[in-house]
N, C-alpha and C. Protein backbone atom coordinates (compact mmCIF):
# COMPACT_ATOMS: atom_id res chain seq x y z
N MET A 1 0.96 72.75 -35.58
CA MET A 1 1.52 72.12 -34.40
C MET A 1 3.00 72.47 -34.34
N GLU A 2 3.45 72.83 -33.16
CA GLU A 2 4.85 73.20 -32.95
C GLU A 2 5.55 72.13 -32.12
N LEU A 3 6.86 71.98 -32.32
CA LEU A 3 7.64 70.99 -31.59
C LEU A 3 7.47 71.14 -30.07
N GLU A 4 7.48 72.36 -29.58
CA GLU A 4 7.37 72.59 -28.14
C GLU A 4 6.06 72.04 -27.56
N GLN A 5 5.03 71.94 -28.40
CA GLN A 5 3.74 71.45 -27.94
C GLN A 5 3.72 69.93 -27.77
N ILE A 6 4.52 69.23 -28.55
CA ILE A 6 4.46 67.76 -28.52
C ILE A 6 5.71 67.10 -27.96
N ALA A 7 6.82 67.83 -27.86
CA ALA A 7 8.07 67.22 -27.41
C ALA A 7 7.91 66.59 -26.04
N GLY A 8 8.49 65.41 -25.88
CA GLY A 8 8.44 64.69 -24.61
C GLY A 8 7.65 63.40 -24.72
N SER A 9 7.24 62.90 -23.57
CA SER A 9 6.55 61.61 -23.46
C SER A 9 5.06 61.78 -23.26
N TRP A 10 4.31 60.86 -23.84
CA TRP A 10 2.85 60.85 -23.71
C TRP A 10 2.40 59.41 -23.44
N LYS A 11 1.39 59.25 -22.59
CA LYS A 11 0.79 57.93 -22.32
C LYS A 11 -0.54 57.82 -23.04
N LEU A 12 -0.81 56.66 -23.57
CA LEU A 12 -2.05 56.43 -24.31
C LEU A 12 -3.24 56.45 -23.35
N SER A 13 -4.22 57.24 -23.71
CA SER A 13 -5.47 57.30 -22.95
C SER A 13 -6.54 56.44 -23.63
N SER A 14 -6.60 56.51 -24.97
CA SER A 14 -7.54 55.67 -25.71
C SER A 14 -7.14 55.61 -27.17
N PHE A 15 -7.57 54.53 -27.82
CA PHE A 15 -7.34 54.33 -29.25
C PHE A 15 -8.58 53.66 -29.79
N ILE A 16 -9.27 54.37 -30.66
CA ILE A 16 -10.51 53.85 -31.23
C ILE A 16 -10.52 54.13 -32.73
N TYR A 17 -11.08 53.19 -33.50
CA TYR A 17 -11.36 53.40 -34.91
C TYR A 17 -12.85 53.67 -35.05
N LYS A 18 -13.21 54.73 -35.79
CA LYS A 18 -14.61 55.09 -36.00
C LYS A 18 -14.90 55.15 -37.50
N ALA A 19 -16.06 54.60 -37.87
CA ALA A 19 -16.51 54.63 -39.26
C ALA A 19 -17.60 55.69 -39.41
N GLU A 20 -17.82 56.12 -40.64
CA GLU A 20 -18.86 57.12 -40.90
C GLU A 20 -20.25 56.64 -40.52
N ASP A 21 -20.47 55.32 -40.55
CA ASP A 21 -21.80 54.79 -40.21
C ASP A 21 -22.03 54.71 -38.70
N GLY A 22 -21.05 55.17 -37.91
CA GLY A 22 -21.20 55.17 -36.46
C GLY A 22 -20.60 53.96 -35.77
N SER A 23 -20.22 52.95 -36.53
CA SER A 23 -19.61 51.78 -35.91
C SER A 23 -18.19 52.11 -35.49
N SER A 24 -17.70 51.38 -34.50
CA SER A 24 -16.35 51.62 -33.99
C SER A 24 -15.80 50.36 -33.35
N PHE A 25 -14.49 50.36 -33.16
CA PHE A 25 -13.87 49.27 -32.41
C PHE A 25 -12.53 49.75 -31.85
N TYR A 26 -12.11 49.07 -30.79
CA TYR A 26 -10.84 49.36 -30.12
C TYR A 26 -9.83 48.30 -30.54
N PRO A 27 -8.86 48.63 -31.40
CA PRO A 27 -7.97 47.60 -31.94
C PRO A 27 -7.09 46.93 -30.89
N TYR A 28 -6.84 47.57 -29.77
CA TYR A 28 -6.02 46.99 -28.71
C TYR A 28 -6.81 46.87 -27.41
N GLY A 29 -8.12 46.84 -27.53
CA GLY A 29 -9.00 46.75 -26.37
C GLY A 29 -9.24 48.12 -25.74
N LYS A 30 -10.29 48.22 -24.95
CA LYS A 30 -10.65 49.49 -24.32
C LYS A 30 -9.61 49.94 -23.30
N GLU A 31 -8.84 49.02 -22.78
CA GLU A 31 -7.83 49.34 -21.76
C GLU A 31 -6.41 49.30 -22.32
N ALA A 32 -6.25 49.63 -23.59
CA ALA A 32 -4.93 49.59 -24.22
C ALA A 32 -3.94 50.48 -23.46
N SER A 33 -2.68 50.10 -23.55
CA SER A 33 -1.61 50.84 -22.90
C SER A 33 -0.58 51.22 -23.96
N GLY A 34 0.03 52.39 -23.80
CA GLY A 34 1.03 52.78 -24.78
C GLY A 34 1.78 54.03 -24.37
N ILE A 35 2.88 54.25 -25.04
CA ILE A 35 3.69 55.44 -24.84
C ILE A 35 4.18 55.90 -26.21
N ILE A 36 4.15 57.20 -26.43
CA ILE A 36 4.76 57.79 -27.61
C ILE A 36 5.70 58.89 -27.12
N ILE A 37 6.86 58.94 -27.73
CA ILE A 37 7.87 59.92 -27.34
C ILE A 37 8.33 60.67 -28.59
N TYR A 38 8.33 61.99 -28.49
CA TYR A 38 8.89 62.85 -29.53
C TYR A 38 10.08 63.56 -28.90
N ASP A 39 11.30 63.32 -29.42
CA ASP A 39 12.44 64.04 -28.84
C ASP A 39 12.78 65.25 -29.69
N LYS A 40 13.56 66.14 -29.13
CA LYS A 40 13.87 67.39 -29.81
C LYS A 40 14.86 67.22 -30.95
N ALA A 41 15.48 66.05 -31.04
CA ALA A 41 16.41 65.76 -32.14
C ALA A 41 15.67 65.28 -33.39
N GLY A 42 14.35 65.10 -33.29
CA GLY A 42 13.57 64.69 -34.45
C GLY A 42 13.25 63.22 -34.53
N TYR A 43 13.46 62.49 -33.44
CA TYR A 43 13.09 61.07 -33.42
C TYR A 43 11.84 60.85 -32.59
N MET A 44 11.09 59.83 -32.97
CA MET A 44 9.90 59.44 -32.21
C MET A 44 9.92 57.93 -32.03
N SER A 45 9.17 57.49 -31.04
CA SER A 45 9.02 56.07 -30.79
C SER A 45 7.62 55.85 -30.23
N ALA A 46 6.96 54.81 -30.70
CA ALA A 46 5.61 54.50 -30.23
C ALA A 46 5.50 53.01 -29.94
N ILE A 47 4.79 52.72 -28.86
CA ILE A 47 4.47 51.34 -28.52
C ILE A 47 3.05 51.31 -27.97
N ILE A 48 2.28 50.33 -28.45
CA ILE A 48 0.90 50.15 -27.98
C ILE A 48 0.69 48.67 -27.78
N THR A 49 0.01 48.32 -26.69
CA THR A 49 -0.25 46.92 -26.40
C THR A 49 -1.60 46.75 -25.72
N ARG A 50 -2.16 45.60 -25.92
CA ARG A 50 -3.34 45.22 -25.15
C ARG A 50 -2.88 44.96 -23.72
N THR A 51 -3.72 45.22 -22.77
CA THR A 51 -3.37 44.94 -21.38
C THR A 51 -3.86 43.57 -20.93
N ASP A 52 -4.57 42.88 -21.81
CA ASP A 52 -5.11 41.57 -21.44
C ASP A 52 -4.35 40.42 -22.11
N ARG A 53 -3.12 40.67 -22.55
CA ARG A 53 -2.33 39.56 -23.11
C ARG A 53 -1.98 38.60 -21.99
N PRO A 54 -1.99 37.31 -22.28
CA PRO A 54 -1.74 36.32 -21.22
C PRO A 54 -0.28 36.27 -20.79
N ASP A 55 -0.06 35.92 -19.53
CA ASP A 55 1.30 35.65 -19.06
C ASP A 55 1.82 34.40 -19.77
N ILE A 56 3.14 34.31 -19.90
CA ILE A 56 3.72 33.15 -20.57
C ILE A 56 4.02 32.05 -19.55
N SER A 57 4.13 30.83 -20.05
CA SER A 57 4.27 29.66 -19.16
C SER A 57 5.70 29.41 -18.70
N THR A 58 6.68 30.08 -19.34
CA THR A 58 8.07 29.88 -18.97
C THR A 58 8.86 31.16 -19.22
N GLN A 59 9.90 31.36 -18.44
CA GLN A 59 10.76 32.52 -18.67
C GLN A 59 11.82 32.22 -19.73
N ASP A 60 11.93 30.98 -20.14
CA ASP A 60 12.87 30.59 -21.19
C ASP A 60 12.16 30.73 -22.53
N PHE A 61 12.36 31.87 -23.19
CA PHE A 61 11.66 32.15 -24.43
C PHE A 61 11.93 31.09 -25.50
N GLY A 62 13.09 30.47 -25.44
CA GLY A 62 13.43 29.42 -26.40
C GLY A 62 12.55 28.19 -26.26
N LEU A 63 11.95 28.01 -25.09
CA LEU A 63 11.05 26.87 -24.87
C LEU A 63 9.58 27.25 -24.96
N LEU A 64 9.29 28.51 -25.23
CA LEU A 64 7.91 28.97 -25.28
C LEU A 64 7.19 28.37 -26.49
N PRO A 65 6.05 27.74 -26.27
CA PRO A 65 5.29 27.16 -27.39
C PRO A 65 4.87 28.23 -28.40
N ASP A 66 4.80 27.84 -29.67
CA ASP A 66 4.45 28.78 -30.73
C ASP A 66 3.10 29.45 -30.49
N GLU A 67 2.13 28.72 -29.95
CA GLU A 67 0.81 29.33 -29.74
C GLU A 67 0.88 30.45 -28.69
N GLU A 68 1.79 30.33 -27.72
CA GLU A 68 1.97 31.41 -26.74
C GLU A 68 2.68 32.60 -27.37
N LYS A 69 3.64 32.34 -28.26
CA LYS A 69 4.30 33.43 -28.98
C LYS A 69 3.28 34.19 -29.83
N LEU A 70 2.38 33.47 -30.47
CA LEU A 70 1.34 34.09 -31.27
C LEU A 70 0.42 34.95 -30.40
N ALA A 71 0.06 34.44 -29.24
CA ALA A 71 -0.80 35.20 -28.33
C ALA A 71 -0.12 36.49 -27.87
N LEU A 72 1.19 36.43 -27.64
CA LEU A 72 1.93 37.64 -27.26
C LEU A 72 1.93 38.66 -28.40
N ALA A 73 2.10 38.18 -29.62
CA ALA A 73 2.19 39.07 -30.77
C ALA A 73 0.87 39.77 -31.07
N LYS A 74 -0.23 39.08 -30.81
CA LYS A 74 -1.52 39.71 -31.05
C LYS A 74 -1.70 40.85 -30.06
N GLY A 75 -2.03 41.98 -30.58
CA GLY A 75 -2.27 43.11 -29.70
C GLY A 75 -1.01 43.80 -29.25
N PHE A 76 0.01 43.82 -30.09
CA PHE A 76 1.26 44.51 -29.76
C PHE A 76 1.77 45.21 -31.01
N MET A 77 2.17 46.46 -30.86
CA MET A 77 2.64 47.24 -32.00
C MET A 77 3.72 48.20 -31.51
N THR A 78 4.79 48.33 -32.28
CA THR A 78 5.82 49.31 -31.96
C THR A 78 6.56 49.71 -33.22
N TYR A 79 6.98 50.96 -33.25
CA TYR A 79 7.84 51.44 -34.34
C TYR A 79 8.56 52.70 -33.88
N THR A 80 9.62 53.06 -34.61
CA THR A 80 10.40 54.24 -34.28
C THR A 80 11.07 54.79 -35.53
N GLY A 81 11.41 56.05 -35.49
CA GLY A 81 12.11 56.69 -36.61
C GLY A 81 12.05 58.20 -36.48
N LYS A 82 12.45 58.87 -37.53
CA LYS A 82 12.41 60.33 -37.56
C LYS A 82 10.96 60.79 -37.77
N TYR A 83 10.67 61.99 -37.29
CA TYR A 83 9.35 62.56 -37.54
C TYR A 83 9.51 63.95 -38.14
N GLU A 84 8.47 64.37 -38.85
CA GLU A 84 8.43 65.71 -39.45
C GLU A 84 7.11 66.36 -39.05
N ILE A 85 7.19 67.60 -38.59
CA ILE A 85 5.97 68.37 -38.30
C ILE A 85 5.72 69.27 -39.50
N LEU A 86 4.59 69.05 -40.15
CA LEU A 86 4.18 69.89 -41.28
C LEU A 86 3.05 70.81 -40.79
N SER A 87 2.52 71.63 -41.64
CA SER A 87 1.53 72.61 -41.19
C SER A 87 0.31 71.99 -40.53
N ASP A 88 -0.18 70.89 -41.07
CA ASP A 88 -1.41 70.30 -40.53
C ASP A 88 -1.27 68.84 -40.14
N ARG A 89 -0.06 68.31 -40.19
CA ARG A 89 0.11 66.89 -39.89
C ARG A 89 1.53 66.60 -39.43
N ILE A 90 1.69 65.41 -38.88
CA ILE A 90 2.99 64.90 -38.47
C ILE A 90 3.24 63.63 -39.27
N LEU A 91 4.44 63.50 -39.81
CA LEU A 91 4.82 62.27 -40.49
C LEU A 91 5.76 61.49 -39.60
N HIS A 92 5.44 60.23 -39.36
CA HIS A 92 6.32 59.30 -38.66
C HIS A 92 7.03 58.50 -39.74
N ASN A 93 8.31 58.76 -39.96
CA ASN A 93 9.09 58.07 -40.99
C ASN A 93 9.77 56.87 -40.34
N ILE A 94 9.25 55.70 -40.63
CA ILE A 94 9.57 54.50 -39.87
C ILE A 94 10.90 53.88 -40.31
N GLU A 95 11.78 53.68 -39.31
CA GLU A 95 13.09 53.08 -39.53
C GLU A 95 13.21 51.68 -38.94
N ILE A 96 12.52 51.44 -37.84
CA ILE A 96 12.50 50.14 -37.17
C ILE A 96 11.06 49.87 -36.77
N ALA A 97 10.57 48.65 -37.00
CA ALA A 97 9.18 48.36 -36.67
C ALA A 97 8.97 46.88 -36.38
N TYR A 98 7.98 46.62 -35.56
CA TYR A 98 7.57 45.25 -35.28
C TYR A 98 7.12 44.56 -36.58
N ILE A 99 6.46 45.30 -37.43
CA ILE A 99 6.01 44.77 -38.72
C ILE A 99 7.01 45.23 -39.79
N PRO A 100 7.79 44.31 -40.34
CA PRO A 100 8.86 44.68 -41.28
C PRO A 100 8.38 45.50 -42.47
N ASN A 101 7.18 45.28 -42.95
CA ASN A 101 6.66 46.01 -44.11
C ASN A 101 6.54 47.51 -43.86
N TRP A 102 6.50 47.93 -42.60
CA TRP A 102 6.37 49.35 -42.29
C TRP A 102 7.68 50.10 -42.47
N VAL A 103 8.83 49.40 -42.37
CA VAL A 103 10.13 50.06 -42.47
C VAL A 103 10.26 50.73 -43.84
N GLY A 104 10.65 52.00 -43.82
CA GLY A 104 10.78 52.77 -45.05
C GLY A 104 9.50 53.47 -45.48
N THR A 105 8.43 53.30 -44.71
CA THR A 105 7.18 53.98 -45.01
C THR A 105 6.99 55.13 -44.02
N SER A 106 5.95 55.91 -44.24
CA SER A 106 5.60 57.00 -43.34
C SER A 106 4.16 56.86 -42.90
N PHE A 107 3.91 57.07 -41.63
CA PHE A 107 2.55 57.14 -41.10
C PHE A 107 2.20 58.61 -40.96
N GLU A 108 1.08 58.97 -41.51
CA GLU A 108 0.59 60.35 -41.45
C GLU A 108 -0.40 60.46 -40.30
N ARG A 109 -0.21 61.48 -39.46
CA ARG A 109 -1.10 61.72 -38.33
C ARG A 109 -1.53 63.18 -38.35
N PHE A 110 -2.79 63.42 -38.02
CA PHE A 110 -3.34 64.76 -37.97
C PHE A 110 -3.52 65.13 -36.50
N PRO A 111 -2.64 66.02 -35.99
CA PRO A 111 -2.65 66.30 -34.56
C PRO A 111 -3.58 67.44 -34.16
N SER A 112 -4.06 67.35 -32.93
CA SER A 112 -4.76 68.46 -32.30
C SER A 112 -4.51 68.36 -30.80
N LEU A 113 -4.62 69.49 -30.13
CA LEU A 113 -4.49 69.53 -28.67
C LEU A 113 -5.82 69.97 -28.10
N GLU A 114 -6.34 69.17 -27.17
CA GLU A 114 -7.61 69.48 -26.52
C GLU A 114 -7.48 69.18 -25.03
N ASP A 115 -7.67 70.19 -24.21
CA ASP A 115 -7.60 70.03 -22.76
C ASP A 115 -6.30 69.35 -22.32
N GLY A 116 -5.19 69.73 -22.93
CA GLY A 116 -3.90 69.17 -22.57
C GLY A 116 -3.63 67.79 -23.12
N LYS A 117 -4.54 67.27 -23.91
CA LYS A 117 -4.36 65.95 -24.52
C LYS A 117 -3.96 66.11 -25.98
N LEU A 118 -3.07 65.24 -26.42
CA LEU A 118 -2.65 65.20 -27.81
C LEU A 118 -3.49 64.15 -28.53
N ILE A 119 -4.23 64.58 -29.53
CA ILE A 119 -5.05 63.65 -30.31
C ILE A 119 -4.41 63.51 -31.69
N LEU A 120 -4.10 62.29 -32.05
CA LEU A 120 -3.53 61.99 -33.35
C LEU A 120 -4.57 61.20 -34.14
N ALA A 121 -5.08 61.79 -35.20
CA ALA A 121 -6.05 61.11 -36.07
C ALA A 121 -5.30 60.53 -37.26
N THR A 122 -5.71 59.34 -37.67
CA THR A 122 -5.13 58.70 -38.84
C THR A 122 -5.90 59.12 -40.09
N PRO A 123 -5.30 58.96 -41.25
CA PRO A 123 -6.10 59.09 -42.47
C PRO A 123 -7.11 57.94 -42.50
N PRO A 124 -8.17 58.06 -43.30
CA PRO A 124 -9.11 56.95 -43.43
C PRO A 124 -8.37 55.69 -43.92
N VAL A 125 -8.73 54.56 -43.32
CA VAL A 125 -8.08 53.29 -43.65
C VAL A 125 -9.15 52.21 -43.78
N SER A 126 -8.94 51.28 -44.70
CA SER A 126 -9.88 50.19 -44.91
C SER A 126 -9.56 49.05 -43.94
N LEU A 127 -10.52 48.75 -43.07
CA LEU A 127 -10.40 47.68 -42.08
C LEU A 127 -11.72 46.96 -41.96
N ARG A 128 -11.66 45.66 -41.90
CA ARG A 128 -12.88 44.87 -41.68
C ARG A 128 -13.98 45.19 -42.69
N GLY A 129 -13.57 45.55 -43.90
CA GLY A 129 -14.53 45.80 -44.97
C GLY A 129 -15.18 47.17 -44.94
N LYS A 130 -14.71 48.08 -44.06
CA LYS A 130 -15.25 49.43 -43.98
C LYS A 130 -14.10 50.42 -43.94
N THR A 131 -14.43 51.69 -44.06
CA THR A 131 -13.43 52.74 -43.94
C THR A 131 -13.53 53.37 -42.56
N PHE A 132 -12.40 53.36 -41.84
CA PHE A 132 -12.34 53.88 -40.48
C PHE A 132 -11.28 54.97 -40.38
N THR A 133 -11.46 55.86 -39.41
CA THR A 133 -10.43 56.81 -39.00
C THR A 133 -10.06 56.46 -37.57
N GLY A 134 -8.76 56.38 -37.31
CA GLY A 134 -8.29 56.08 -35.97
C GLY A 134 -8.06 57.36 -35.17
N TYR A 135 -8.39 57.30 -33.90
CA TYR A 135 -8.17 58.43 -32.98
C TYR A 135 -7.37 57.92 -31.79
N LEU A 136 -6.14 58.38 -31.68
CA LEU A 136 -5.28 58.02 -30.57
C LEU A 136 -5.18 59.24 -29.64
N VAL A 137 -5.59 59.07 -28.41
CA VAL A 137 -5.59 60.15 -27.44
C VAL A 137 -4.47 59.90 -26.45
N TRP A 138 -3.58 60.89 -26.32
CA TRP A 138 -2.39 60.77 -25.49
C TRP A 138 -2.43 61.85 -24.40
N GLU A 139 -1.95 61.50 -23.20
CA GLU A 139 -1.88 62.44 -22.09
C GLU A 139 -0.45 62.47 -21.55
N ARG A 140 -0.07 63.60 -20.98
CA ARG A 140 1.23 63.68 -20.32
C ARG A 140 1.22 62.79 -19.09
N PRO A 141 2.30 62.05 -18.85
CA PRO A 141 2.36 61.20 -17.64
C PRO A 141 2.30 62.07 -16.38
N GLN A 142 1.67 61.54 -15.36
CA GLN A 142 1.57 62.25 -14.07
C GLN A 142 2.74 61.95 -13.20
């Protein structure tokens, strides 16, 4: 993968986890929304959210009930940092993240381009008692 192939903005088309036994699930729902940006200076940023998160009851976040804050947090993910393109993978070296434990770690993604879409596969990961591989499909914005 070359920088010229991925540089710029991409919109999420789909995100699914698939297991070897054929089972699968959509961690942010079938209608997930997201954007990933790779800039030419070597920084990336990703955000993914469910599109069915509820509206909040007040615009004053300081008065928002904890259960509404929890509902907002469910189905939301973002991180940013430097990236490295290696021969067969991209490393996202996380500097800022919604989940503090991610800071200082790297996410490994296996990229491919198919019909103008950028597909980022995750390494196998243990979720819900099984091993899944994630497939994030990104398209250029229209």
